[in-house]
Amino acid sequence: MNYGIELAILQSEWEDTIKADGGHCPVCDRWGKIYPRGINSTMARSLIWLASRGPSWVDVPNTAPTWVLRSNQLPTLRWWDMVERNDSDKTEEVKHSGMWRVTEYGRLFSENKISAPDKVFTYNGEVVGRSVVMTQITQCFKQEFDYRDVFNSFNGEQHGS
């Protein structure tokens, strides 16, 4: 029996399964699927909020407005490399520090200076591909968009608002 060939066949079949409708792994019975993810308006607003705080680390749980915290959309922007989390000061009791900052790429996207892949494709919480179709931050909003209006709406906004 050639286990290498059998494994290659199983891997190929599994890849076909997760690219389509998804399914249960024939080895471990775990569900798997490759999910397309797009940047929605809440993610775009969260990015603009974080970018408005500058390039420094931001204590999101203690400073972000309630709508950012409730949506929990900010962390998904890491799939586009637009935000990063500082885990250097995490402890065993705390999974993550809560400190985030916008990357240069994220800042430029938030200012509508560059485009980004319209979608990323994730499997098991990791990016496995990016669309060739590009989008701009203005396209993340369904209705007419004015960057200045969104940016100015954060002036004077308090945590928990």
C-alpha atoms as a PDB file:
ATOM      1  CA  MET A   1       0.000   0.000   0.000  1.00  0.00           C
ATOM      2  CA  ASN A   2       1.347   3.411  -0.933  1.00  0.00           C
ATOM      3  CA  TYR A   3       0.163   5.774   1.783  1.00  0.00           C
ATOM      4  CA  GLY A   4       1.692   8.788   0.030  1.00  0.00           C
ATOM      5  CA  ILE A   5      -0.545   8.322  -2.997  1.00  0.00           C
ATOM      6  CA  GLU A   6      -3.618   7.663  -0.853  1.00  0.00           C
ATOM      7  CA  LEU A   7      -2.890  10.760   1.203  1.00  0.00           C
ATOM      8  CA  ALA A   8      -2.461  12.834  -1.966  1.00  0.00           C
ATOM      9  CA  ILE A   9      -5.828  11.573  -3.250  1.00  0.00           C
ATOM     10  CA  LEU A  10      -7.545  12.393   0.061  1.00  0.00           C
ATOM     11  CA  GLN A  11      -5.962  15.863   0.087  1.00  0.00           C
ATOM     12  CA  SER A  12      -7.092  16.521  -3.481  1.00  0.00           C
ATOM     13  CA  GLU A  13     -10.636  15.366  -2.718  1.00  0.00           C
ATOM     14  CA  TRP A  14     -10.696  17.465   0.454  1.00  0.00           C
ATOM     15  CA  GLU A  15      -9.498  20.521  -1.444  1.00  0.00           C
ATOM     16  CA  ASP A  16     -12.291  20.048  -3.990  1.00  0.00           C
ATOM     17  CA  THR A  17     -14.815  19.687  -1.138  1.00  0.00           C
ATOM     18  CA  ILE A  18     -13.797  22.833   0.749  1.00  0.00           C
ATOM     19  CA  LYS A  19     -13.655  24.906  -2.441  1.00  0.00           C
ATOM     20  CA  ALA A  20     -17.228  23.929  -3.273  1.00  0.00           C
ATOM     21  CA  ASP A  21     -20.055  23.699  -0.718  1.00  0.00           C
ATOM     22  CA  GLY A  22     -17.889  22.386   2.095  1.00  0.00           C
ATOM     23  CA  GLY A  23     -18.203  19.103   3.910  1.00  0.00           C
ATOM     24  CA  HIS A  24     -16.933  16.821   6.630  1.00  0.00           C
ATOM     25  CA  CYS A  25     -13.348  15.605   6.487  1.00  0.00           C
ATOM     26  CA  PRO A  26     -13.179  11.865   5.752  1.00  0.00           C
ATOM     27  CA  VAL A  27     -10.346  11.515   8.270  1.00  0.00           C
ATOM     28  CA  CYS A  28     -11.387  13.616  11.292  1.00  0.00           C
ATOM     29  CA  ASP A  29     -15.051  14.398  10.468  1.00  0.00           C
ATOM     30  CA  ARG A  30     -14.424  18.114  11.026  1.00  0.00           C
ATOM     31  CA  TRP A  31     -16.468  20.523   8.884  1.00  0.00           C
ATOM     32  CA  GLY A  32     -14.474  22.546   6.404  1.00  0.00           C
ATOM     33  CA  LYS A  33     -15.122  25.162   3.759  1.00  0.00           C
ATOM     34  CA  ILE A  34     -13.259  28.017   2.125  1.00  0.00           C
ATOM     35  CA  TYR A  35     -15.240  31.172   2.857  1.00  0.00           C
ATOM     36  CA  PRO A  36     -15.160  34.327   0.726  1.00  0.00           C
ATOM     37  CA  ARG A  37     -14.978  37.428   2.940  1.00  0.00           C
ATOM     38  CA  GLY A  38     -15.579  40.969   1.783  1.00  0.00           C
ATOM     39  CA  ILE A  39     -15.017  44.286   3.518  1.00  0.00           C
ATOM     40  CA  ASN A  40     -18.368  45.558   4.764  1.00  0.00           C
ATOM     41  CA  SER A  41     -19.287  49.079   5.852  1.00  0.00           C
ATOM     42  CA  THR A  42     -18.848  48.289   9.562  1.00  0.00           C
ATOM     43  CA  MET A  43     -15.334  47.018   8.920  1.00  0.00           C
ATOM     44  CA  ALA A  44     -14.574  50.113   6.848  1.00  0.00           C
ATOM     45  CA  ARG A  45     -15.913  52.439   9.566  1.00  0.00           C
ATOM     46  CA  SER A  46     -13.905  50.537  12.207  1.00  0.00           C
ATOM     47  CA  LEU A  47     -10.763  50.924  10.109  1.00  0.00           C
ATOM     48  CA  ILE A  48     -11.343  54.652   9.674  1.00  0.00           C
ATOM     49  CA  TRP A  49     -11.900  54.963  13.438  1.00  0.00           C
ATOM     50  CA  LEU A  50      -8.652  53.144  14.230  1.00  0.00           C
ATOM     51  CA  ALA A  51      -6.710  55.077  11.570  1.00  0.00           C
ATOM     52  CA  SER A  52      -7.986  58.342  13.056  1.00  0.00           C
ATOM     53  CA  ARG A  53      -6.149  57.404  16.266  1.00  0.00           C
ATOM     54  CA  GLY A  54      -2.795  57.564  14.477  1.00  0.00           C
ATOM     55  CA  PRO A  55      -0.071  54.975  14.036  1.00  0.00           C
ATOM     56  CA  SER A  56       0.281  54.151  17.746  1.00  0.00           C
ATOM     57  CA  TRP A  57      -1.124  51.132  19.552  1.00  0.00           C
ATOM     58  CA  VAL A  58      -4.721  51.681  20.655  1.00  0.00           C
ATOM     59  CA  ASP A  59      -6.364  49.949  23.624  1.00  0.00           C
ATOM     60  CA  VAL A  60      -9.497  49.018  21.692  1.00  0.00           C
ATOM     61  CA  PRO A  61     -11.494  47.381  24.542  1.00  0.00           C
ATOM     62  CA  ASN A  62     -11.092  50.481  26.717  1.00  0.00           C
ATOM     63  CA  THR A  63     -11.252  53.290  24.152  1.00  0.00           C
ATOM     64  CA  ALA A  64     -13.352  52.185  21.197  1.00  0.00           C
ATOM     65  CA  PRO A  65     -16.949  53.271  20.802  1.00  0.00           C
ATOM     66  CA  THR A  66     -19.554  50.649  21.660  1.00  0.00           C
ATOM     67  CA  TRP A  67     -20.465  50.067  18.003  1.00  0.00           C
ATOM     68  CA  VAL A  68     -16.863  49.009  17.252  1.00  0.00           C
ATOM     69  CA  LEU A  69     -16.806  46.616  20.192  1.00  0.00           C
ATOM     70  CA  ARG A  70     -20.234  45.121  19.536  1.00  0.00           C
ATOM     71  CA  SER A  71     -19.584  44.519  15.857  1.00  0.00           C
ATOM     72  CA  ASN A  72     -16.248  42.758  16.485  1.00  0.00           C
ATOM     73  CA  GLN A  73     -15.397  43.504  12.839  1.00  0.00           C
ATOM     74  CA  LEU A  74     -12.102  45.316  13.415  1.00  0.00           C
ATOM     75  CA  PRO A  75     -10.040  42.120  13.941  1.00  0.00           C
ATOM     76  CA  THR A  76     -11.180  40.666  10.602  1.00  0.00           C
ATOM     77  CA  LEU A  77      -9.268  43.423   8.810  1.00  0.00           C
ATOM     78  CA  ARG A  78      -6.068  41.557   9.724  1.00  0.00           C
ATOM     79  CA  TRP A  79      -6.923  39.219   6.802  1.00  0.00           C
ATOM     80  CA  TRP A  80      -6.189  42.165   4.496  1.00  0.00           C
ATOM     81  CA  ASP A  81      -3.092  43.171   6.520  1.00  0.00           C
ATOM     82  CA  MET A  82      -4.789  46.477   7.397  1.00  0.00           C
ATOM     83  CA  VAL A  83      -4.577  46.131  11.181  1.00  0.00           C
ATOM     84  CA  GLU A  84      -2.298  44.310  13.568  1.00  0.00           C
ATOM     85  CA  ARG A  85      -2.633  43.188  17.151  1.00  0.00           C
ATOM     86  CA  ASN A  86       0.098  43.607  19.737  1.00  0.00           C
ATOM     87  CA  ASP A  87       0.376  40.305  21.542  1.00  0.00           C
ATOM     88  CA  SER A  88       3.779  40.981  23.070  1.00  0.00           C
ATOM     89  CA  ASP A  89       2.292  41.764  26.481  1.00  0.00           C
ATOM     90  CA  LYS A  90      -0.333  39.013  26.667  1.00  0.00           C
ATOM     91  CA  THR A  91      -0.419  36.694  29.642  1.00  0.00           C
ATOM     92  CA  GLU A  92      -1.595  33.126  30.125  1.00  0.00           C
ATOM     93  CA  GLU A  93      -4.816  34.457  31.666  1.00  0.00           C
ATOM     94  CA  VAL A  94      -5.517  36.829  28.768  1.00  0.00           C
ATOM     95  CA  LYS A  95      -5.677  35.440  25.231  1.00  0.00           C
ATOM     96  CA  HIS A  96      -4.953  38.810  23.574  1.00  0.00           C
ATOM     97  CA  SER A  97      -3.828  42.215  24.791  1.00  0.00           C
ATOM     98  CA  GLY A  98      -6.544  44.255  23.084  1.00  0.00           C
ATOM     99  CA  MET A  99      -3.939  46.615  21.671  1.00  0.00           C
ATOM    100  CA  TRP A 100      -4.381  47.238  17.936  1.00  0.00           C
ATOM    101  CA  ARG A 101      -2.952  49.616  15.364  1.00  0.00           C
ATOM    102  CA  VAL A 102      -3.563  50.376  11.729  1.00  0.00           C
ATOM    103  CA  THR A 103      -0.862  49.340   9.287  1.00  0.00           C
ATOM    104  CA  GLU A 104       0.426  51.714   6.631  1.00  0.00           C
ATOM    105  CA  TYR A 105      -1.533  49.710   4.061  1.00  0.00           C
ATOM    106  CA  GLY A 106      -4.680  50.054   6.184  1.00  0.00           C
ATOM    107  CA  ARG A 107      -4.130  53.787   6.627  1.00  0.00           C
ATOM    108  CA  LEU A 108      -3.754  54.328   2.892  1.00  0.00           C
ATOM    109  CA  PHE A 109      -6.856  52.233   2.191  1.00  0.00           C
ATOM    110  CA  SER A 110      -8.832  54.120   4.864  1.00  0.00           C
ATOM    111  CA  GLU A 111      -7.869  57.399   3.184  1.00  0.00           C
ATOM    112  CA  ASN A 112      -9.025  56.059  -0.214  1.00  0.00           C
ATOM    113  CA  LYS A 113      -5.489  56.338  -1.609  1.00  0.00           C
ATOM    114  CA  ILE A 114      -5.117  52.672  -2.601  1.00  0.00           C
ATOM    115  CA  SER A 115      -7.280  49.694  -3.481  1.00  0.00           C
ATOM    116  CA  ALA A 116      -7.409  46.324  -1.758  1.00  0.00           C
ATOM    117  CA  PRO A 117      -8.598  42.874  -2.787  1.00  0.00           C
ATOM    118  CA  ASP A 118     -12.383  42.871  -2.840  1.00  0.00           C
ATOM    119  CA  LYS A 119     -12.405  39.513  -1.059  1.00  0.00           C
ATOM    120  CA  VAL A 120     -10.111  37.232   0.848  1.00  0.00           C
ATOM    121  CA  PHE A 121     -10.731  33.522   1.046  1.00  0.00           C
ATOM    122  CA  THR A 122     -10.326  31.940   4.458  1.00  0.00           C
ATOM    123  CA  TYR A 123     -10.034  28.380   5.648  1.00  0.00           C
ATOM    124  CA  ASN A 124      -9.747  27.489   9.304  1.00  0.00           C
ATOM    125  CA  GLY A 125      -9.374  31.183  10.182  1.00  0.00           C
ATOM    126  CA  GLU A 126      -6.432  31.766   7.835  1.00  0.00           C
ATOM    127  CA  VAL A 127      -6.243  33.487   4.454  1.00  0.00           C
ATOM    128  CA  VAL A 128      -5.724  30.986   1.638  1.00  0.00           C
ATOM    129  CA  GLY A 129      -6.338  33.347  -1.279  1.00  0.00           C
ATOM    130  CA  ARG A 130      -7.223  36.857  -2.402  1.00  0.00           C
ATOM    131  CA  SER A 131      -9.462  38.027  -5.207  1.00  0.00           C
ATOM    132  CA  VAL A 132      -7.942  39.713  -8.214  1.00  0.00           C
ATOM    133  CA  VAL A 133     -10.883  42.128  -8.206  1.00  0.00           C
ATOM    134  CA  MET A 134      -9.929  45.228  -6.259  1.00  0.00           C
ATOM    135  CA  THR A 135     -12.063  47.620  -4.230  1.00  0.00           C
ATOM    136  CA  GLN A 136     -11.735  51.034  -2.634  1.00  0.00           C
ATOM    137  CA  ILE A 137     -13.034  52.015   0.773  1.00  0.00           C
ATOM    138  CA  THR A 138     -15.789  54.090  -0.801  1.00  0.00           C
ATOM    139  CA  GLN A 139     -17.175  50.914  -2.395  1.00  0.00           C
ATOM    140  CA  CYS A 140     -17.574  49.337   1.051  1.00  0.00           C
ATOM    141  CA  PHE A 141     -20.473  51.695   1.719  1.00  0.00           C
ATOM    142  CA  LYS A 142     -23.742  51.008  -0.071  1.00  0.00           C
ATOM    143  CA  GLN A 143     -24.948  54.602  -0.166  1.00  0.00           C
ATOM    144  CA  GLU A 144     -23.126  57.795  -1.062  1.00  0.00           C
ATOM    145  CA  PHE A 145     -19.935  58.080   0.934  1.00  0.00           C
ATOM    146  CA  ASP A 146     -18.088  61.127   2.180  1.00  0.00           C
ATOM    147  CA  TYR A 147     -14.852  60.270   3.980  1.00  0.00           C
ATOM    148  CA  ARG A 148     -14.834  63.626   5.791  1.00  0.00           C
ATOM    149  CA  ASP A 149     -18.324  63.015   7.226  1.00  0.00           C
ATOM    150  CA  VAL A 150     -17.322  59.631   8.626  1.00  0.00           C
ATOM    151  CA  PHE A 151     -13.980  60.898   9.932  1.00  0.00           C
ATOM    152  CA  ASN A 152     -15.566  63.991  11.505  1.00  0.00           C
ATOM    153  CA  SER A 153     -18.243  61.864  13.170  1.00  0.00           C
ATOM    154  CA  PHE A 154     -15.515  60.478  15.450  1.00  0.00           C
ATOM    155  CA  ASN A 155     -14.503  63.894  16.806  1.00  0.00           C
ATOM    156  CA  GLY A 156     -15.662  64.091  20.369  1.00  0.00           C
ATOM    157  CA  GLU A 157     -17.060  60.545  20.330  1.00  0.00           C
ATOM    158  CA  GLN A 158     -16.701  58.946  23.729  1.00  0.00           C
ATOM    159  CA  HIS A 159     -16.041  55.308  24.604  1.00  0.00           C
ATOM    160  CA  GLY A 160     -19.331  53.512  25.009  1.00  0.00           C
ATOM    161  CA  SER A 161     -21.181  55.931  22.736  1.00  0.00           C
END
